[in-house]
Amino acid sequence: MAATVLGRSVGSRYTTQITTAHHQVIADEPGPEGDDLGPTPYELLLSALGACTSMTLLMYARRKVWPLEEVHVELTHERDYARDCEDCDGSEVQLERVRRHIRLIGPLTEAQRVRLAEIAARCPVHRTLSAATRIEDVLEPA
């Protein structure tokens, strides 16, 4: 399943209109550089992972008829600089880290909670972000 999203700059700063097949959302940078009219690109990235995690866990629990009532996913993005790494070649290497705190609401057994934690790592967006994703740029003619 291929997804197509269009990002189009609008206005004189960084505001970007994002259009999918059926929806629109605005992304922006916070002030003073941006107008803060929408989430930042990293907030949108974290939102995709949080939404996919929640949906995946709910689908799995419903298929198993487990009493999962709600899923809360809180995510943060950080950058670490590794000073002692094996493949650094003497320079500082920037490591991206996403922390995902998952709260499962409902009268689940401990075994169900453990299984859902395992399933969280299998959500499609998690797998995409964890994979060696290739991004191919094509510059369109003027």
N, C-alpha and C. Protein backbone atom coordinates (compact mmCIF):
# COMPACT_ATOMS: atom_id res chain seq x y z
N MET A 1 0.85 -1.18 0.00
CA MET A 1 0.00 0.00 0.00
C MET A 1 0.89 1.24 0.00
N ALA A 2 0.83 2.01 -1.04
CA ALA A 2 1.61 3.24 -1.13
C ALA A 2 0.78 4.40 -0.61
N ALA A 3 1.42 5.25 0.15
CA ALA A 3 0.76 6.46 0.66
C ALA A 3 1.39 7.65 -0.04
N THR A 4 0.57 8.60 -0.43
CA THR A 4 1.06 9.81 -1.06
C THR A 4 0.62 11.00 -0.23
N VAL A 5 1.59 11.86 0.07
CA VAL A 5 1.33 13.06 0.85
C VAL A 5 1.99 14.22 0.12
N LEU A 6 1.30 15.33 0.03
CA LEU A 6 1.84 16.52 -0.59
C LEU A 6 2.11 17.56 0.49
N GLY A 7 3.31 18.09 0.52
CA GLY A 7 3.65 19.21 1.39
C GLY A 7 3.87 20.43 0.52
N ARG A 8 3.19 21.52 0.84
CA ARG A 8 3.27 22.74 0.03
C ARG A 8 3.45 23.94 0.93
N SER A 9 4.51 24.71 0.69
CA SER A 9 4.75 25.89 1.51
C SER A 9 3.67 26.93 1.22
N VAL A 10 3.17 27.54 2.29
CA VAL A 10 2.17 28.60 2.17
C VAL A 10 2.61 29.75 3.06
N GLY A 11 2.42 30.96 2.61
CA GLY A 11 2.84 32.10 3.41
C GLY A 11 4.31 32.42 3.17
N SER A 12 4.82 33.35 3.96
CA SER A 12 6.18 33.85 3.74
C SER A 12 7.21 33.24 4.68
N ARG A 13 6.77 32.37 5.61
CA ARG A 13 7.72 31.80 6.57
C ARG A 13 7.86 30.30 6.35
N TYR A 14 7.53 29.48 7.33
CA TYR A 14 7.73 28.04 7.23
C TYR A 14 6.43 27.23 7.21
N THR A 15 5.31 27.89 7.27
CA THR A 15 4.02 27.18 7.29
C THR A 15 3.90 26.30 6.06
N THR A 16 3.55 25.03 6.29
CA THR A 16 3.43 24.06 5.20
C THR A 16 2.08 23.37 5.30
N GLN A 17 1.36 23.35 4.20
CA GLN A 17 0.08 22.66 4.13
C GLN A 17 0.36 21.23 3.69
N ILE A 18 -0.11 20.27 4.47
CA ILE A 18 0.07 18.85 4.17
C ILE A 18 -1.28 18.31 3.72
N THR A 19 -1.30 17.69 2.55
CA THR A 19 -2.53 17.16 2.00
C THR A 19 -2.37 15.68 1.72
N THR A 20 -3.33 14.88 2.20
CA THR A 20 -3.39 13.46 1.88
C THR A 20 -4.62 13.24 1.01
N ALA A 21 -4.95 12.01 0.75
CA ALA A 21 -6.11 11.72 -0.10
C ALA A 21 -7.40 12.33 0.44
N HIS A 22 -7.55 12.39 1.77
CA HIS A 22 -8.82 12.83 2.34
C HIS A 22 -8.70 13.89 3.44
N HIS A 23 -7.48 14.35 3.75
CA HIS A 23 -7.31 15.24 4.89
C HIS A 23 -6.26 16.30 4.61
N GLN A 24 -6.33 17.37 5.41
CA GLN A 24 -5.33 18.43 5.36
C GLN A 24 -4.93 18.79 6.78
N VAL A 25 -3.67 19.14 6.95
CA VAL A 25 -3.16 19.61 8.24
C VAL A 25 -2.06 20.62 7.94
N ILE A 26 -1.82 21.50 8.88
CA ILE A 26 -0.77 22.50 8.74
C ILE A 26 0.40 22.11 9.65
N ALA A 27 1.60 22.22 9.12
CA ALA A 27 2.82 22.05 9.92
C ALA A 27 3.52 23.40 9.94
N ASP A 28 4.27 23.66 11.00
CA ASP A 28 4.95 24.95 11.12
C ASP A 28 6.08 24.83 12.12
N GLU A 29 6.84 25.86 12.22
CA GLU A 29 7.89 25.98 13.24
C GLU A 29 7.39 26.95 14.30
N PRO A 30 7.82 26.75 15.55
CA PRO A 30 7.43 27.69 16.59
C PRO A 30 8.11 29.04 16.38
N GLY A 31 7.58 30.07 17.05
CA GLY A 31 8.17 31.40 16.97
C GLY A 31 9.50 31.44 17.69
N PRO A 32 10.30 32.39 17.42
CA PRO A 32 10.05 33.53 16.53
C PRO A 32 10.30 33.23 15.05
N GLU A 33 10.92 32.07 14.72
CA GLU A 33 11.21 31.77 13.32
C GLU A 33 9.93 31.49 12.52
N GLY A 34 9.03 30.73 13.12
CA GLY A 34 7.79 30.37 12.44
C GLY A 34 6.60 31.06 13.05
N ASP A 35 5.43 30.74 12.53
CA ASP A 35 4.19 31.33 13.04
C ASP A 35 3.46 30.42 14.02
N ASP A 36 3.99 29.22 14.27
CA ASP A 36 3.43 28.28 15.24
C ASP A 36 1.96 27.96 14.94
N LEU A 37 1.65 27.73 13.66
CA LEU A 37 0.27 27.45 13.25
C LEU A 37 -0.08 25.97 13.26
N GLY A 38 0.89 25.12 13.53
CA GLY A 38 0.65 23.69 13.55
C GLY A 38 1.84 22.97 14.16
N PRO A 39 1.74 21.64 14.26
CA PRO A 39 2.83 20.87 14.82
C PRO A 39 4.09 20.99 13.96
N THR A 40 5.24 20.80 14.60
CA THR A 40 6.51 20.78 13.87
C THR A 40 6.65 19.45 13.14
N PRO A 41 7.56 19.35 12.19
CA PRO A 41 7.77 18.07 11.53
C PRO A 41 8.09 16.92 12.49
N TYR A 42 8.89 17.17 13.52
CA TYR A 42 9.18 16.10 14.48
C TYR A 42 7.95 15.73 15.31
N GLU A 43 7.12 16.70 15.63
CA GLU A 43 5.88 16.38 16.33
C GLU A 43 4.96 15.52 15.46
N LEU A 44 4.93 15.80 14.16
CA LEU A 44 4.14 14.98 13.25
C LEU A 44 4.71 13.56 13.15
N LEU A 45 6.03 13.44 13.13
CA LEU A 45 6.66 12.13 13.08
C LEU A 45 6.32 11.33 14.33
N LEU A 46 6.44 11.95 15.50
CA LEU A 46 6.09 11.29 16.75
C LEU A 46 4.60 10.95 16.79
N SER A 47 3.78 11.83 16.24
CA SER A 47 2.33 11.58 16.19
C SER A 47 2.03 10.33 15.37
N ALA A 48 2.73 10.16 14.27
CA ALA A 48 2.52 8.98 13.43
C ALA A 48 2.86 7.71 14.20
N LEU A 49 3.98 7.73 14.92
CA LEU A 49 4.36 6.56 15.70
C LEU A 49 3.38 6.31 16.84
N GLY A 50 2.95 7.36 17.52
CA GLY A 50 1.99 7.20 18.62
C GLY A 50 0.65 6.68 18.14
N ALA A 51 0.16 7.22 17.04
CA ALA A 51 -1.13 6.77 16.50
C ALA A 51 -1.05 5.32 16.04
N CYS A 52 0.02 4.97 15.36
CA CYS A 52 0.17 3.61 14.86
C CYS A 52 0.30 2.62 16.02
N THR A 53 1.03 3.00 17.05
CA THR A 53 1.17 2.14 18.23
C THR A 53 -0.18 1.88 18.86
N SER A 54 -0.94 2.93 19.09
CA SER A 54 -2.25 2.81 19.71
C SER A 54 -3.18 1.94 18.86
N MET A 55 -3.23 2.21 17.57
CA MET A 55 -4.11 1.45 16.68
C MET A 55 -3.72 -0.02 16.62
N THR A 56 -2.42 -0.29 16.54
CA THR A 56 -1.95 -1.67 16.47
C THR A 56 -2.33 -2.44 17.73
N LEU A 57 -2.13 -1.82 18.89
CA LEU A 57 -2.46 -2.50 20.15
C LEU A 57 -3.95 -2.73 20.29
N LEU A 58 -4.75 -1.74 19.91
CA LEU A 58 -6.20 -1.90 19.97
C LEU A 58 -6.69 -2.99 19.02
N MET A 59 -6.15 -3.03 17.81
CA MET A 59 -6.55 -4.07 16.86
C MET A 59 -6.20 -5.46 17.39
N TYR A 60 -5.01 -5.59 17.91
CA TYR A 60 -4.57 -6.89 18.42
C TYR A 60 -5.44 -7.33 19.60
N ALA A 61 -5.65 -6.42 20.55
CA ALA A 61 -6.45 -6.77 21.73
C ALA A 61 -7.89 -7.10 21.34
N ARG A 62 -8.45 -6.38 20.41
CA ARG A 62 -9.83 -6.66 19.99
C ARG A 62 -9.93 -8.01 19.28
N ARG A 63 -8.92 -8.33 18.49
CA ARG A 63 -8.92 -9.63 17.81
C ARG A 63 -8.82 -10.77 18.82
N LYS A 64 -8.08 -10.53 19.92
CA LYS A 64 -7.93 -11.55 20.96
C LYS A 64 -9.06 -11.50 21.99
N VAL A 65 -9.93 -10.48 21.89
CA VAL A 65 -11.02 -10.23 22.83
C VAL A 65 -10.45 -10.02 24.24
N TRP A 66 -9.44 -9.18 24.31
CA TRP A 66 -8.84 -8.79 25.59
C TRP A 66 -9.45 -7.48 26.06
N PRO A 67 -9.52 -7.24 27.35
CA PRO A 67 -10.19 -6.05 27.88
C PRO A 67 -9.33 -4.78 27.87
N LEU A 68 -8.75 -4.46 26.72
CA LEU A 68 -7.98 -3.21 26.59
C LEU A 68 -8.97 -2.11 26.24
N GLU A 69 -9.08 -1.12 27.13
CA GLU A 69 -10.05 -0.05 26.96
C GLU A 69 -9.46 1.17 26.25
N GLU A 70 -8.24 1.53 26.62
CA GLU A 70 -7.57 2.70 26.04
C GLU A 70 -6.07 2.44 25.99
N VAL A 71 -5.43 3.16 25.09
CA VAL A 71 -3.97 3.16 25.02
C VAL A 71 -3.52 4.61 25.04
N HIS A 72 -2.59 4.93 25.92
CA HIS A 72 -1.98 6.26 25.95
C HIS A 72 -0.53 6.08 25.55
N VAL A 73 -0.07 6.85 24.58
CA VAL A 73 1.31 6.77 24.13
C VAL A 73 1.90 8.17 24.19
N GLU A 74 2.94 8.33 25.01
CA GLU A 74 3.65 9.61 25.11
C GLU A 74 5.04 9.42 24.53
N LEU A 75 5.40 10.30 23.59
CA LEU A 75 6.68 10.15 22.89
C LEU A 75 7.52 11.40 23.01
N THR A 76 8.82 11.20 23.10
CA THR A 76 9.77 12.32 23.06
C THR A 76 10.89 11.97 22.09
N HIS A 77 11.44 12.99 21.47
CA HIS A 77 12.56 12.82 20.55
C HIS A 77 13.76 13.55 21.14
N GLU A 78 14.90 12.88 21.14
CA GLU A 78 16.14 13.47 21.67
C GLU A 78 17.27 13.17 20.72
N ARG A 79 18.31 13.97 20.84
CA ARG A 79 19.55 13.70 20.11
C ARG A 79 20.66 13.51 21.14
N ASP A 80 21.42 12.44 20.94
CA ASP A 80 22.58 12.16 21.78
C ASP A 80 23.82 12.21 20.89
N TYR A 81 24.90 12.61 21.48
CA TYR A 81 26.15 12.60 20.75
C TYR A 81 27.04 11.53 21.35
N ALA A 82 27.32 10.50 20.58
CA ALA A 82 28.13 9.39 21.06
C ALA A 82 29.60 9.77 20.92
N ARG A 83 30.31 9.73 22.02
CA ARG A 83 31.72 10.07 21.99
C ARG A 83 32.58 8.82 21.88
N ASP A 84 32.08 7.70 22.34
CA ASP A 84 32.82 6.45 22.29
C ASP A 84 32.00 5.42 21.54
N CYS A 85 32.11 5.41 20.25
CA CYS A 85 31.40 4.40 19.48
C CYS A 85 32.38 3.70 18.54
N GLU A 86 32.02 2.52 18.13
CA GLU A 86 32.93 1.70 17.34
C GLU A 86 33.16 2.23 15.94
N ASP A 87 32.17 2.85 15.34
CA ASP A 87 32.27 3.26 13.93
C ASP A 87 32.31 4.77 13.76
N CYS A 88 32.92 5.47 14.68
CA CYS A 88 32.88 6.93 14.65
C CYS A 88 33.95 7.57 13.77
N ASP A 89 35.06 6.89 13.54
CA ASP A 89 36.18 7.48 12.81
C ASP A 89 36.66 8.77 13.45
N GLY A 90 36.64 8.83 14.77
CA GLY A 90 37.19 9.97 15.48
C GLY A 90 36.28 11.17 15.61
N SER A 91 35.15 11.20 14.96
CA SER A 91 34.26 12.36 15.05
C SER A 91 33.05 12.02 15.92
N GLU A 92 32.39 13.06 16.40
CA GLU A 92 31.18 12.85 17.18
C GLU A 92 30.07 12.35 16.25
N VAL A 93 29.32 11.39 16.72
CA VAL A 93 28.21 10.84 15.95
C VAL A 93 26.91 11.20 16.65
N GLN A 94 25.99 11.69 15.89
CA GLN A 94 24.69 12.07 16.45
C GLN A 94 23.75 10.87 16.40
N LEU A 95 23.19 10.52 17.53
CA LEU A 95 22.25 9.41 17.60
C LEU A 95 20.87 9.95 17.91
N GLU A 96 19.90 9.52 17.13
CA GLU A 96 18.52 9.92 17.37
C GLU A 96 17.88 8.92 18.31
N ARG A 97 17.11 9.41 19.27
CA ARG A 97 16.42 8.52 20.20
C ARG A 97 14.99 8.98 20.35
N VAL A 98 14.07 8.02 20.23
CA VAL A 98 12.66 8.26 20.51
C VAL A 98 12.31 7.42 21.72
N ARG A 99 11.77 8.07 22.75
CA ARG A 99 11.27 7.36 23.93
C ARG A 99 9.76 7.26 23.81
N ARG A 100 9.28 6.05 24.00
CA ARG A 100 7.84 5.80 23.86
C ARG A 100 7.35 5.20 25.17
N HIS A 101 6.53 5.95 25.88
CA HIS A 101 5.91 5.48 27.13
C HIS A 101 4.49 5.05 26.79
N ILE A 102 4.19 3.78 27.05
CA ILE A 102 2.88 3.22 26.70
C ILE A 102 2.12 2.89 27.98
N ARG A 103 0.91 3.40 28.08
CA ARG A 103 0.04 3.10 29.22
C ARG A 103 -1.18 2.36 28.70
N LEU A 104 -1.40 1.17 29.22
CA LEU A 104 -2.52 0.34 28.82
C LEU A 104 -3.60 0.43 29.88
N ILE A 105 -4.80 0.83 29.49
CA ILE A 105 -5.91 1.00 30.41
C ILE A 105 -6.88 -0.16 30.21
N GLY A 106 -7.21 -0.84 31.29
CA GLY A 106 -8.16 -1.94 31.25
C GLY A 106 -7.68 -3.08 32.14
N PRO A 107 -8.58 -3.97 32.52
CA PRO A 107 -8.25 -5.07 33.43
C PRO A 107 -7.52 -6.22 32.72
N LEU A 108 -6.31 -5.94 32.28
CA LEU A 108 -5.50 -6.93 31.57
C LEU A 108 -4.71 -7.77 32.56
N THR A 109 -4.42 -9.00 32.18
CA THR A 109 -3.52 -9.83 32.99
C THR A 109 -2.09 -9.37 32.71
N GLU A 110 -1.16 -9.78 33.56
CA GLU A 110 0.24 -9.42 33.35
C GLU A 110 0.75 -10.03 32.04
N ALA A 111 0.34 -11.24 31.74
CA ALA A 111 0.74 -11.89 30.49
C ALA A 111 0.23 -11.11 29.27
N GLN A 112 -0.99 -10.59 29.34
CA GLN A 112 -1.53 -9.80 28.25
C GLN A 112 -0.75 -8.50 28.09
N ARG A 113 -0.41 -7.87 29.20
CA ARG A 113 0.37 -6.62 29.16
C ARG A 113 1.74 -6.86 28.52
N VAL A 114 2.39 -7.94 28.90
CA VAL A 114 3.70 -8.27 28.33
C VAL A 114 3.58 -8.51 26.83
N ARG A 115 2.57 -9.24 26.41
CA ARG A 115 2.38 -9.53 24.99
C ARG A 115 2.10 -8.25 24.22
N LEU A 116 1.30 -7.36 24.76
CA LEU A 116 1.01 -6.09 24.09
C LEU A 116 2.27 -5.24 23.96
N ALA A 117 3.14 -5.29 24.95
CA ALA A 117 4.42 -4.57 24.86
C ALA A 117 5.25 -5.11 23.70
N GLU A 118 5.22 -6.42 23.51
CA GLU A 118 5.93 -7.02 22.38
C GLU A 118 5.30 -6.60 21.05
N ILE A 119 4.00 -6.55 21.01
CA ILE A 119 3.27 -6.18 19.79
C ILE A 119 3.54 -4.72 19.42
N ALA A 120 3.73 -3.86 20.42
CA ALA A 120 3.98 -2.44 20.15
C ALA A 120 5.18 -2.25 19.23
N ALA A 121 6.20 -3.08 19.39
CA ALA A 121 7.39 -2.97 18.54
C ALA A 121 7.13 -3.43 17.12
N ARG A 122 5.98 -4.03 16.87
CA ARG A 122 5.65 -4.53 15.54
C ARG A 122 4.72 -3.60 14.77
N CYS A 123 4.37 -2.45 15.33
CA CYS A 123 3.50 -1.56 14.57
C CYS A 123 4.24 -1.11 13.31
N PRO A 124 3.53 -0.93 12.20
CA PRO A 124 4.19 -0.62 10.93
C PRO A 124 5.09 0.62 10.95
N VAL A 125 4.69 1.67 11.63
CA VAL A 125 5.53 2.87 11.65
C VAL A 125 6.80 2.62 12.46
N HIS A 126 6.69 1.89 13.57
CA HIS A 126 7.87 1.53 14.36
C HIS A 126 8.85 0.74 13.49
N ARG A 127 8.32 -0.20 12.75
CA ARG A 127 9.18 -1.03 11.89
C ARG A 127 9.84 -0.19 10.80
N THR A 128 9.11 0.75 10.24
CA THR A 128 9.68 1.62 9.21
C THR A 128 10.79 2.50 9.79
N LEU A 129 10.54 3.09 10.95
CA LEU A 129 11.55 3.96 11.56
C LEU A 129 12.78 3.19 12.02
N SER A 130 12.60 1.93 12.37
CA SER A 130 13.70 1.10 12.84
C SER A 130 14.50 0.48 11.69
N ALA A 131 13.93 0.47 10.50
CA ALA A 131 14.59 -0.15 9.34
C ALA A 131 15.56 0.84 8.69
N ALA A 132 16.36 0.30 7.84
CA ALA A 132 17.25 1.15 7.03
C ALA A 132 16.43 1.68 5.86
N THR A 133 15.72 2.75 6.10
CA THR A 133 14.82 3.32 5.10
C THR A 133 15.62 4.10 4.06
N ARG A 134 15.34 3.88 2.82
CA ARG A 134 15.99 4.61 1.74
C ARG A 134 15.05 5.72 1.29
N ILE A 135 15.55 6.93 1.24
CA ILE A 135 14.76 8.06 0.75
C ILE A 135 15.35 8.48 -0.59
N GLU A 136 14.53 8.44 -1.62
CA GLU A 136 14.98 8.80 -2.95
C GLU A 136 14.40 10.15 -3.32
N ASP A 137 15.26 11.11 -3.59
CA ASP A 137 14.83 12.45 -3.97
C ASP A 137 14.79 12.58 -5.48
N VAL A 138 13.72 13.18 -6.00
CA VAL A 138 13.58 13.46 -7.42
C VAL A 138 13.24 14.95 -7.53
N LEU A 139 14.14 15.71 -8.13
CA LEU A 139 13.87 17.13 -8.32
C LEU A 139 13.08 17.31 -9.59
N GLU A 140 11.88 17.84 -9.46
CA GLU A 140 10.99 18.03 -10.59
C GLU A 140 11.49 19.20 -11.45
N PRO A 141 11.26 19.15 -12.73
CA PRO A 141 11.67 20.27 -13.60
C PRO A 141 10.88 21.53 -13.25
N ALA A 142 11.50 22.66 -13.53
CA ALA A 142 10.87 23.95 -13.22
C ALA A 142 9.66 24.21 -14.07
